[in-house]
C-alpha atoms as a PDB file:
ATOM      1  CA  UNK A   1     188.865  -2.835 184.780  1.00  0.00           C
ATOM      2  CA  UNK A   2     191.949  -0.704 185.507  1.00  0.00           C
ATOM      3  CA  UNK A   3     190.317   2.637 184.671  1.00  0.00           C
ATOM      4  CA  UNK A   4     186.644   3.446 184.253  1.00  0.00           C
ATOM      5  CA  UNK A   5     185.585   7.009 183.455  1.00  0.00           C
ATOM      6  CA  UNK A   6     181.829   7.627 183.651  1.00  0.00           C
ATOM      7  CA  UNK A   7     180.121  10.750 182.245  1.00  0.00           C
ATOM      8  CA  UNK A   8     183.079  12.883 183.207  1.00  0.00           C
ATOM      9  CA  UNK A   9     182.746  16.631 182.715  1.00  0.00           C
ATOM     10  CA  UNK A  10     185.180  19.284 183.893  1.00  0.00           C
ATOM     11  CA  UNK A  11     184.600  23.020 183.776  1.00  0.00           C
ATOM     12  CA  UNK A  12     187.291  25.533 184.642  1.00  0.00           C
ATOM     13  CA  UNK A  13     186.163  28.759 186.339  1.00  0.00           C
ATOM     14  CA  UNK A  14     182.584  27.544 186.510  1.00  0.00           C
ATOM     15  CA  UNK A  15     180.131  30.424 186.820  1.00  0.00           C
ATOM     16  CA  UNK A  16     182.830  32.992 185.997  1.00  0.00           C
ATOM     17  CA  UNK A  17     183.186  35.155 182.862  1.00  0.00           C
ATOM     18  CA  UNK A  18     186.060  32.947 181.616  1.00  0.00           C
ATOM     19  CA  UNK A  19     184.256  29.646 182.167  1.00  0.00           C
ATOM     20  CA  UNK A  20     185.616  26.884 179.943  1.00  0.00           C
ATOM     21  CA  UNK A  21     184.372  23.330 179.525  1.00  0.00           C
ATOM     22  CA  UNK A  22     187.539  21.255 179.115  1.00  0.00           C
ATOM     23  CA  UNK A  23     185.843  17.820 179.135  1.00  0.00           C
ATOM     24  CA  UNK A  24     182.273  17.078 178.109  1.00  0.00           C
ATOM     25  CA  UNK A  25     180.587  13.798 179.156  1.00  0.00           C
ATOM     26  CA  UNK A  26     183.603  11.524 178.616  1.00  0.00           C
ATOM     27  CA  UNK A  27     183.217   7.750 179.032  1.00  0.00           C
ATOM     28  CA  UNK A  28     186.295   5.498 178.876  1.00  0.00           C
ATOM     29  CA  UNK A  29     187.051   1.916 179.897  1.00  0.00           C
ATOM     30  CA  UNK A  30     190.670   0.762 180.078  1.00  0.00           C
ATOM     31  CA  UNK A  31     191.195  -2.947 180.762  1.00  0.00           C
ATOM     32  CA  UNK A  32     193.979  -4.187 183.003  1.00  0.00           C
ATOM     33  CA  UNK A  33     197.133  -4.687 180.977  1.00  0.00           C
ATOM     34  CA  UNK A  34     195.896  -2.635 178.009  1.00  0.00           C
ATOM     35  CA  UNK A  35     198.079  -0.145 176.122  1.00  0.00           C
ATOM     36  CA  UNK A  36     195.985   2.736 174.803  1.00  0.00           C
ATOM     37  CA  UNK A  37     196.789   6.033 173.141  1.00  0.00           C
ATOM     38  CA  UNK A  38     194.816   9.231 173.665  1.00  0.00           C
ATOM     39  CA  UNK A  39     195.259  11.636 170.777  1.00  0.00           C
ATOM     40  CA  UNK A  40     194.250  15.258 170.345  1.00  0.00           C
ATOM     41  CA  UNK A  41     195.548  18.726 169.620  1.00  0.00           C
ATOM     42  CA  UNK A  42     196.322  21.317 172.277  1.00  0.00           C
ATOM     43  CA  UNK A  43     193.036  22.316 173.876  1.00  0.00           C
ATOM     44  CA  UNK A  44     191.354  18.972 173.218  1.00  0.00           C
ATOM     45  CA  UNK A  45     191.258  18.119 176.926  1.00  0.00           C
ATOM     46  CA  UNK A  46     194.095  15.577 177.084  1.00  0.00           C
ATOM     47  CA  UNK A  47     196.040  17.174 179.931  1.00  0.00           C
ATOM     48  CA  UNK A  48     192.912  17.765 181.978  1.00  0.00           C
ATOM     49  CA  UNK A  49     191.881  14.141 181.488  1.00  0.00           C
ATOM     50  CA  UNK A  50     195.135  12.604 182.683  1.00  0.00           C
ATOM     51  CA  UNK A  51     195.076  14.714 185.842  1.00  0.00           C
ATOM     52  CA  UNK A  52     191.734  13.061 186.590  1.00  0.00           C
ATOM     53  CA  UNK A  53     193.300   9.594 186.552  1.00  0.00           C
ATOM     54  CA  UNK A  54     195.107  10.004 189.872  1.00  0.00           C
ATOM     55  CA  UNK A  55     193.001  12.662 191.543  1.00  0.00           C
ATOM     56  CA  UNK A  56     195.095  15.754 190.821  1.00  0.00           C
ATOM     57  CA  UNK A  57     191.861  17.299 189.534  1.00  0.00           C
ATOM     58  CA  UNK A  58     188.339  16.571 190.701  1.00  0.00           C
ATOM     59  CA  UNK A  59     185.689  16.432 187.958  1.00  0.00           C
ATOM     60  CA  UNK A  60     182.840  18.896 187.925  1.00  0.00           C
ATOM     61  CA  UNK A  61     180.623  15.854 187.458  1.00  0.00           C
ATOM     62  CA  UNK A  62     181.071  12.165 186.717  1.00  0.00           C
ATOM     63  CA  UNK A  63     183.093   9.351 188.247  1.00  0.00           C
ATOM     64  CA  UNK A  64     186.727   8.251 188.091  1.00  0.00           C
ATOM     65  CA  UNK A  65     187.076   4.591 189.085  1.00  0.00           C
ATOM     66  CA  UNK A  66     190.587   3.149 189.443  1.00  0.00           C
ATOM     67  CA  UNK A  67     190.984  -0.581 190.057  1.00  0.00           C
ATOM     68  CA  UNK A  68     187.341  -0.786 191.051  1.00  0.00           C
ATOM     69  CA  UNK A  69     187.303   2.156 193.493  1.00  0.00           C
ATOM     70  CA  UNK A  70     185.788   5.610 192.989  1.00  0.00           C
ATOM     71  CA  UNK A  71     188.813   7.749 193.847  1.00  0.00           C
ATOM     72  CA  UNK A  72     186.615  10.582 195.100  1.00  0.00           C
ATOM     73  CA  UNK A  73     184.517   8.295 197.282  1.00  0.00           C
ATOM     74  CA  UNK A  74     184.397   8.564 201.047  1.00  0.00           C
ATOM     75  CA  UNK A  75     187.474   7.291 202.832  1.00  0.00           C
ATOM     76  CA  UNK A  76     189.630   6.893 199.718  1.00  0.00           C
ATOM     77  CA  UNK A  77     193.306   7.639 200.373  1.00  0.00           C
ATOM     78  CA  UNK A  78     194.543   9.802 197.485  1.00  0.00           C
ATOM     79  CA  UNK A  79     198.157   8.979 198.342  1.00  0.00           C
ATOM     80  CA  UNK A  80     197.452   5.291 197.797  1.00  0.00           C
ATOM     81  CA  UNK A  81     195.707   6.072 194.506  1.00  0.00           C
ATOM     82  CA  UNK A  82     198.741   8.013 193.301  1.00  0.00           C
ATOM     83  CA  UNK A  83     201.007   5.089 194.119  1.00  0.00           C
ATOM     84  CA  UNK A  84     198.831   2.868 191.913  1.00  0.00           C
ATOM     85  CA  UNK A  85     198.742   5.391 189.070  1.00  0.00           C
ATOM     86  CA  UNK A  86     202.174   6.600 187.977  1.00  0.00           C
ATOM     87  CA  UNK A  87     201.947   9.888 186.087  1.00  0.00           C
ATOM     88  CA  UNK A  88     204.844  11.013 183.889  1.00  0.00           C
ATOM     89  CA  UNK A  89     204.383  14.635 182.854  1.00  0.00           C
ATOM     90  CA  UNK A  90     205.690  16.202 179.666  1.00  0.00           C
ATOM     91  CA  UNK A  91     209.476  16.854 179.823  1.00  0.00           C
ATOM     92  CA  UNK A  92     209.883  14.811 183.036  1.00  0.00           C
ATOM     93  CA  UNK A  93     213.658  15.237 182.905  1.00  0.00           C
ATOM     94  CA  UNK A  94     213.144  18.800 184.159  1.00  0.00           C
ATOM     95  CA  UNK A  95     212.194  17.179 187.481  1.00  0.00           C
ATOM     96  CA  UNK A  96     215.527  15.341 187.807  1.00  0.00           C
ATOM     97  CA  UNK A  97     217.624  16.813 190.618  1.00  0.00           C
ATOM     98  CA  UNK A  98     219.790  14.195 192.344  1.00  0.00           C
ATOM     99  CA  UNK A  99     223.507  13.817 191.652  1.00  0.00           C
ATOM    100  CA  UNK A 100     223.305  10.256 190.347  1.00  0.00           C
ATOM    101  CA  UNK A 101     220.817   8.152 188.420  1.00  0.00           C
ATOM    102  CA  UNK A 102     220.545   5.748 191.361  1.00  0.00           C
ATOM    103  CA  UNK A 103     219.692   8.483 193.869  1.00  0.00           C
ATOM    104  CA  UNK A 104     217.141  10.051 191.526  1.00  0.00           C
ATOM    105  CA  UNK A 105     215.299   6.788 190.926  1.00  0.00           C
ATOM    106  CA  UNK A 106     215.522   5.979 194.664  1.00  0.00           C
ATOM    107  CA  UNK A 107     213.997   9.288 195.769  1.00  0.00           C
ATOM    108  CA  UNK A 108     210.348   8.170 195.714  1.00  0.00           C
ATOM    109  CA  UNK A 109     210.875   4.809 197.445  1.00  0.00           C
ATOM    110  CA  UNK A 110     212.971   6.503 200.158  1.00  0.00           C
ATOM    111  CA  UNK A 111     210.047   8.818 200.902  1.00  0.00           C
ATOM    112  CA  UNK A 112     207.873   5.751 201.439  1.00  0.00           C
ATOM    113  CA  UNK A 113     210.137   4.788 204.331  1.00  0.00           C
ATOM    114  CA  UNK A 114     211.221   1.515 202.751  1.00  0.00           C
ATOM    115  CA  UNK A 115     214.279  -0.458 203.824  1.00  0.00           C
ATOM    116  CA  UNK A 116     217.545  -0.011 201.939  1.00  0.00           C
ATOM    117  CA  UNK A 117     217.139  -3.516 200.542  1.00  0.00           C
ATOM    118  CA  UNK A 118     213.654  -2.742 199.204  1.00  0.00           C
ATOM    119  CA  UNK A 119     214.805   0.626 197.828  1.00  0.00           C
ATOM    120  CA  UNK A 120     217.646  -1.110 195.966  1.00  0.00           C
ATOM    121  CA  UNK A 121     215.177  -3.652 194.548  1.00  0.00           C
ATOM    122  CA  UNK A 122     212.844  -0.851 193.437  1.00  0.00           C
ATOM    123  CA  UNK A 123     215.693   1.036 191.730  1.00  0.00           C
ATOM    124  CA  UNK A 124     216.836  -2.110 189.935  1.00  0.00           C
ATOM    125  CA  UNK A 125     213.262  -2.819 188.820  1.00  0.00           C
ATOM    126  CA  UNK A 126     212.701   0.709 187.490  1.00  0.00           C
ATOM    127  CA  UNK A 127     216.034   0.968 185.704  1.00  0.00           C
ATOM    128  CA  UNK A 128     215.838  -2.505 184.185  1.00  0.00           C
ATOM    129  CA  UNK A 129     212.319  -1.782 182.914  1.00  0.00           C
ATOM    130  CA  UNK A 130     213.521   1.240 180.933  1.00  0.00           C
ATOM    131  CA  UNK A 131     216.688  -0.428 179.672  1.00  0.00           C
ATOM    132  CA  UNK A 132     219.279   1.191 181.973  1.00  0.00           C
ATOM    133  CA  UNK A 133     221.803  -1.252 183.440  1.00  0.00           C
ATOM    134  CA  UNK A 134     224.042  -0.828 186.505  1.00  0.00           C
ATOM    135  CA  UNK A 135     226.635   1.095 184.500  1.00  0.00           C
ATOM    136  CA  UNK A 136     224.269   4.095 184.629  1.00  0.00           C
ATOM    137  CA  UNK A 137     223.733   4.106 188.400  1.00  0.00           C
ATOM    138  CA  UNK A 138     226.701   6.328 189.313  1.00  0.00           C
ATOM    139  CA  UNK A 139     226.316   8.670 186.354  1.00  0.00           C
ATOM    140  CA  UNK A 140     224.875  12.144 186.648  1.00  0.00           C
ATOM    141  CA  UNK A 141     221.445  12.230 184.977  1.00  0.00           C
ATOM    142  CA  UNK A 142     222.339  15.677 183.612  1.00  0.00           C
ATOM    143  CA  UNK A 143     225.133  14.215 181.465  1.00  0.00           C
ATOM    144  CA  UNK A 144     222.839  11.783 179.652  1.00  0.00           C
ATOM    145  CA  UNK A 145     221.115  12.220 176.309  1.00  0.00           C
ATOM    146  CA  UNK A 146     217.563  13.540 176.160  1.00  0.00           C
ATOM    147  CA  UNK A 147     216.124  10.075 175.632  1.00  0.00           C
ATOM    148  CA  UNK A 148     218.178   8.613 178.477  1.00  0.00           C
ATOM    149  CA  UNK A 149     217.065  11.395 180.842  1.00  0.00           C
ATOM    150  CA  UNK A 150     213.479  10.617 179.907  1.00  0.00           C
ATOM    151  CA  UNK A 151     214.072   6.970 180.799  1.00  0.00           C
ATOM    152  CA  UNK A 152     215.542   7.893 184.194  1.00  0.00           C
ATOM    153  CA  UNK A 153     212.454   9.969 184.955  1.00  0.00           C
ATOM    154  CA  UNK A 154     210.163   7.090 183.955  1.00  0.00           C
ATOM    155  CA  UNK A 155     212.274   4.679 186.040  1.00  0.00           C
ATOM    156  CA  UNK A 156     211.674   6.923 189.056  1.00  0.00           C
ATOM    157  CA  UNK A 157     207.917   6.626 188.560  1.00  0.00           C
ATOM    158  CA  UNK A 158     208.135   2.845 188.058  1.00  0.00           C
ATOM    159  CA  UNK A 159     210.148   2.538 191.272  1.00  0.00           C
ATOM    160  CA  UNK A 160     206.963   3.557 193.099  1.00  0.00           C
ATOM    161  CA  UNK A 161     205.547   0.257 191.807  1.00  0.00           C
ATOM    162  CA  UNK A 162     202.377   1.516 190.055  1.00  0.00           C
ATOM    163  CA  UNK A 163     200.164  -0.874 188.111  1.00  0.00           C
ATOM    164  CA  UNK A 164     198.956   1.904 185.804  1.00  0.00           C
ATOM    165  CA  UNK A 165     201.364   4.197 183.947  1.00  0.00           C
ATOM    166  CA  UNK A 166     200.161   7.469 182.376  1.00  0.00           C
ATOM    167  CA  UNK A 167     202.575   9.247 180.022  1.00  0.00           C
ATOM    168  CA  UNK A 168     201.953  12.788 178.764  1.00  0.00           C
ATOM    169  CA  UNK A 169     203.722  13.343 175.426  1.00  0.00           C
ATOM    170  CA  UNK A 170     206.658  11.111 176.465  1.00  0.00           C
ATOM    171  CA  UNK A 171     208.640  11.710 173.271  1.00  0.00           C
ATOM    172  CA  UNK A 172     208.189  15.513 173.089  1.00  0.00           C
ATOM    173  CA  UNK A 173     211.423  17.224 172.103  1.00  0.00           C
ATOM    174  CA  UNK A 174     213.300  14.018 171.252  1.00  0.00           C
ATOM    175  CA  UNK A 175     214.930  13.409 167.882  1.00  0.00           C
ATOM    176  CA  UNK A 176     213.550  10.592 165.680  1.00  0.00           C
ATOM    177  CA  UNK A 177     216.083   8.080 167.035  1.00  0.00           C
ATOM    178  CA  UNK A 178     215.254   8.974 170.641  1.00  0.00           C
ATOM    179  CA  UNK A 179     211.510   8.800 169.974  1.00  0.00           C
ATOM    180  CA  UNK A 180     211.751   5.378 168.382  1.00  0.00           C
ATOM    181  CA  UNK A 181     213.970   3.988 171.147  1.00  0.00           C
ATOM    182  CA  UNK A 182     211.609   5.220 173.854  1.00  0.00           C
ATOM    183  CA  UNK A 183     208.510   3.804 172.157  1.00  0.00           C
ATOM    184  CA  UNK A 184     210.214   0.434 171.689  1.00  0.00           C
ATOM    185  CA  UNK A 185     211.150   0.442 175.378  1.00  0.00           C
ATOM    186  CA  UNK A 186     207.588   1.332 176.413  1.00  0.00           C
ATOM    187  CA  UNK A 187     206.194  -1.503 174.309  1.00  0.00           C
ATOM    188  CA  UNK A 188     208.702  -3.906 175.846  1.00  0.00           C
ATOM    189  CA  UNK A 189     207.731  -2.726 179.349  1.00  0.00           C
ATOM    190  CA  UNK A 190     204.068  -3.263 178.553  1.00  0.00           C
ATOM    191  CA  UNK A 191     204.657  -6.792 177.339  1.00  0.00           C
ATOM    192  CA  UNK A 192     207.086  -7.885 180.062  1.00  0.00           C
ATOM    193  CA  UNK A 193     205.626  -6.158 183.137  1.00  0.00           C
ATOM    194  CA  UNK A 194     201.938  -6.369 182.297  1.00  0.00           C
ATOM    195  CA  UNK A 195     201.462  -2.678 183.048  1.00  0.00           C
ATOM    196  CA  UNK A 196     198.353  -0.807 181.996  1.00  0.00           C
ATOM    197  CA  UNK A 197     199.715   2.089 179.923  1.00  0.00           C
ATOM    198  CA  UNK A 198     197.883   5.225 178.790  1.00  0.00           C
ATOM    199  CA  UNK A 199     199.964   7.302 176.400  1.00  0.00           C
ATOM    200  CA  UNK A 200     198.944  10.887 175.574  1.00  0.00           C
ATOM    201  CA  UNK A 201     200.075  12.420 172.298  1.00  0.00           C
ATOM    202  CA  UNK A 202     199.139  14.826 169.532  1.00  0.00           C
ATOM    203  CA  UNK A 203     200.787  12.613 166.915  1.00  0.00           C
ATOM    204  CA  UNK A 204     198.830   9.628 165.628  1.00  0.00           C
ATOM    205  CA  UNK A 205     201.753   8.449 163.547  1.00  0.00           C
ATOM    206  CA  UNK A 206     204.019   8.180 166.593  1.00  0.00           C
ATOM    207  CA  UNK A 207     201.714   5.963 168.639  1.00  0.00           C
ATOM    208  CA  UNK A 208     199.618   4.005 166.144  1.00  0.00           C
ATOM    209  CA  UNK A 209     202.144   1.207 165.673  1.00  0.00           C
ATOM    210  CA  UNK A 210     202.481   0.555 169.399  1.00  0.00           C
ATOM    211  CA  UNK A 211     199.076   0.866 171.093  1.00  0.00           C
ATOM    212  CA  UNK A 212     196.207  -1.626 171.228  1.00  0.00           C
ATOM    213  CA  UNK A 213     193.555   1.064 170.982  1.00  0.00           C
ATOM    214  CA  UNK A 214     193.269   4.755 170.120  1.00  0.00           C
ATOM    215  CA  UNK A 215     190.944   7.357 171.563  1.00  0.00           C
ATOM    216  CA  UNK A 216     190.628  10.723 169.811  1.00  0.00           C
ATOM    217  CA  UNK A 217     189.608  13.819 171.773  1.00  0.00           C
ATOM    218  CA  UNK A 218     188.346  16.934 170.030  1.00  0.00           C
ATOM    219  CA  UNK A 219     187.220  20.055 171.861  1.00  0.00           C
ATOM    220  CA  UNK A 220     186.679  18.174 175.088  1.00  0.00           C
ATOM    221  CA  UNK A 221     184.615  15.368 173.573  1.00  0.00           C
ATOM    222  CA  UNK A 222     185.474  11.810 172.588  1.00  0.00           C
ATOM    223  CA  UNK A 223     185.442  11.899 168.795  1.00  0.00           C
ATOM    224  CA  UNK A 224     186.596   8.373 167.830  1.00  0.00           C
ATOM    225  CA  UNK A 225     187.675   5.193 169.554  1.00  0.00           C
ATOM    226  CA  UNK A 226     188.920   1.819 168.349  1.00  0.00           C
ATOM    227  CA  UNK A 227     191.985   0.035 167.034  1.00  0.00           C
ATOM    228  CA  UNK A 228     194.373   2.264 165.081  1.00  0.00           C
ATOM    229  CA  UNK A 229     193.031   0.808 161.826  1.00  0.00           C
ATOM    230  CA  UNK A 230     189.415   1.440 162.872  1.00  0.00           C
ATOM    231  CA  UNK A 231     190.183   5.026 163.838  1.00  0.00           C
ATOM    232  CA  UNK A 232     192.149   5.675 160.654  1.00  0.00           C
ATOM    233  CA  UNK A 233     189.114   4.574 158.648  1.00  0.00           C
ATOM    234  CA  UNK A 234     187.655   8.003 159.489  1.00  0.00           C
ATOM    235  CA  UNK A 235     190.267   9.629 157.282  1.00  0.00           C
ATOM    236  CA  UNK A 236     188.214  12.544 155.977  1.00  0.00           C
ATOM    237  CA  UNK A 237     186.934  13.503 159.421  1.00  0.00           C
ATOM    238  CA  UNK A 238     190.391  13.195 160.979  1.00  0.00           C
ATOM    239  CA  UNK A 239     191.869  15.374 158.272  1.00  0.00           C
ATOM    240  CA  UNK A 240     189.310  18.067 159.052  1.00  0.00           C
ATOM    241  CA  UNK A 241     190.492  18.230 162.646  1.00  0.00           C
ATOM    242  CA  UNK A 242     194.155  18.061 161.611  1.00  0.00           C
ATOM    243  CA  UNK A 243     194.978  14.589 162.895  1.00  0.00           C
ATOM    244  CA  UNK A 244     195.159  12.403 159.817  1.00  0.00           C
ATOM    245  CA  UNK A 245     198.197  10.195 159.528  1.00  0.00           C
ATOM    246  CA  UNK A 246     198.923   9.499 155.864  1.00  0.00           C
ATOM    247  CA  UNK A 247     201.334   6.630 156.561  1.00  0.00           C
ATOM    248  CA  UNK A 248     198.811   3.854 156.783  1.00  0.00           C
ATOM    249  CA  UNK A 249     201.638   1.467 155.988  1.00  0.00           C
ATOM    250  CA  UNK A 250     202.674   1.651 159.647  1.00  0.00           C
ATOM    251  CA  UNK A 251     199.644  -0.449 160.499  1.00  0.00           C
END
């Protein structure tokens, strides 16, 4: 199992006047090589949950088990965990800062102290995975389109060689063409690299055609889980929480 979440609860400002329970007894299993989507509106707990996956947040209670290890167990190296779990935050292109695409993608591997040969191999792997060939290497990432910038940022995470990739609203702010191109590329990456991918979104329609399984969060709780078709069968309930996708033809 790539990810196993057991009875996970997280409370912000516990014991304070502004105490807020962001996650309430969440249980999730993600198999190795699976592509799942986690759906929910703002405030549903999505962002809190993904920060649990690589130890950026510690749960108030419950366990986070990555590749068979409790990441908050004694002697666990959080740095190693974060190399296994690549986390791409919303609008990752805002984190681009190097002068060329090559240097930006190479930044993480360089910090690992790898040889130039290994760094080059990592850059080639990351760029190829997101559909950027060598013609992009010398270009400034700031001159690229929004979708291309997003791919550079994802390539930089892939260059760290994770086996789990977490993406927080990866198509936010992109036009329809850019969204479609990025989703197609993510699906291709999943199939060709065997990555475990967890994709966070508020739009069921955007992800339903690409993921193996959907999980719906609502007010910090797991509301529904299953294949896109199984989840969409709860049409009335989904409509009540504002998540119904009417285009069932995409399935």
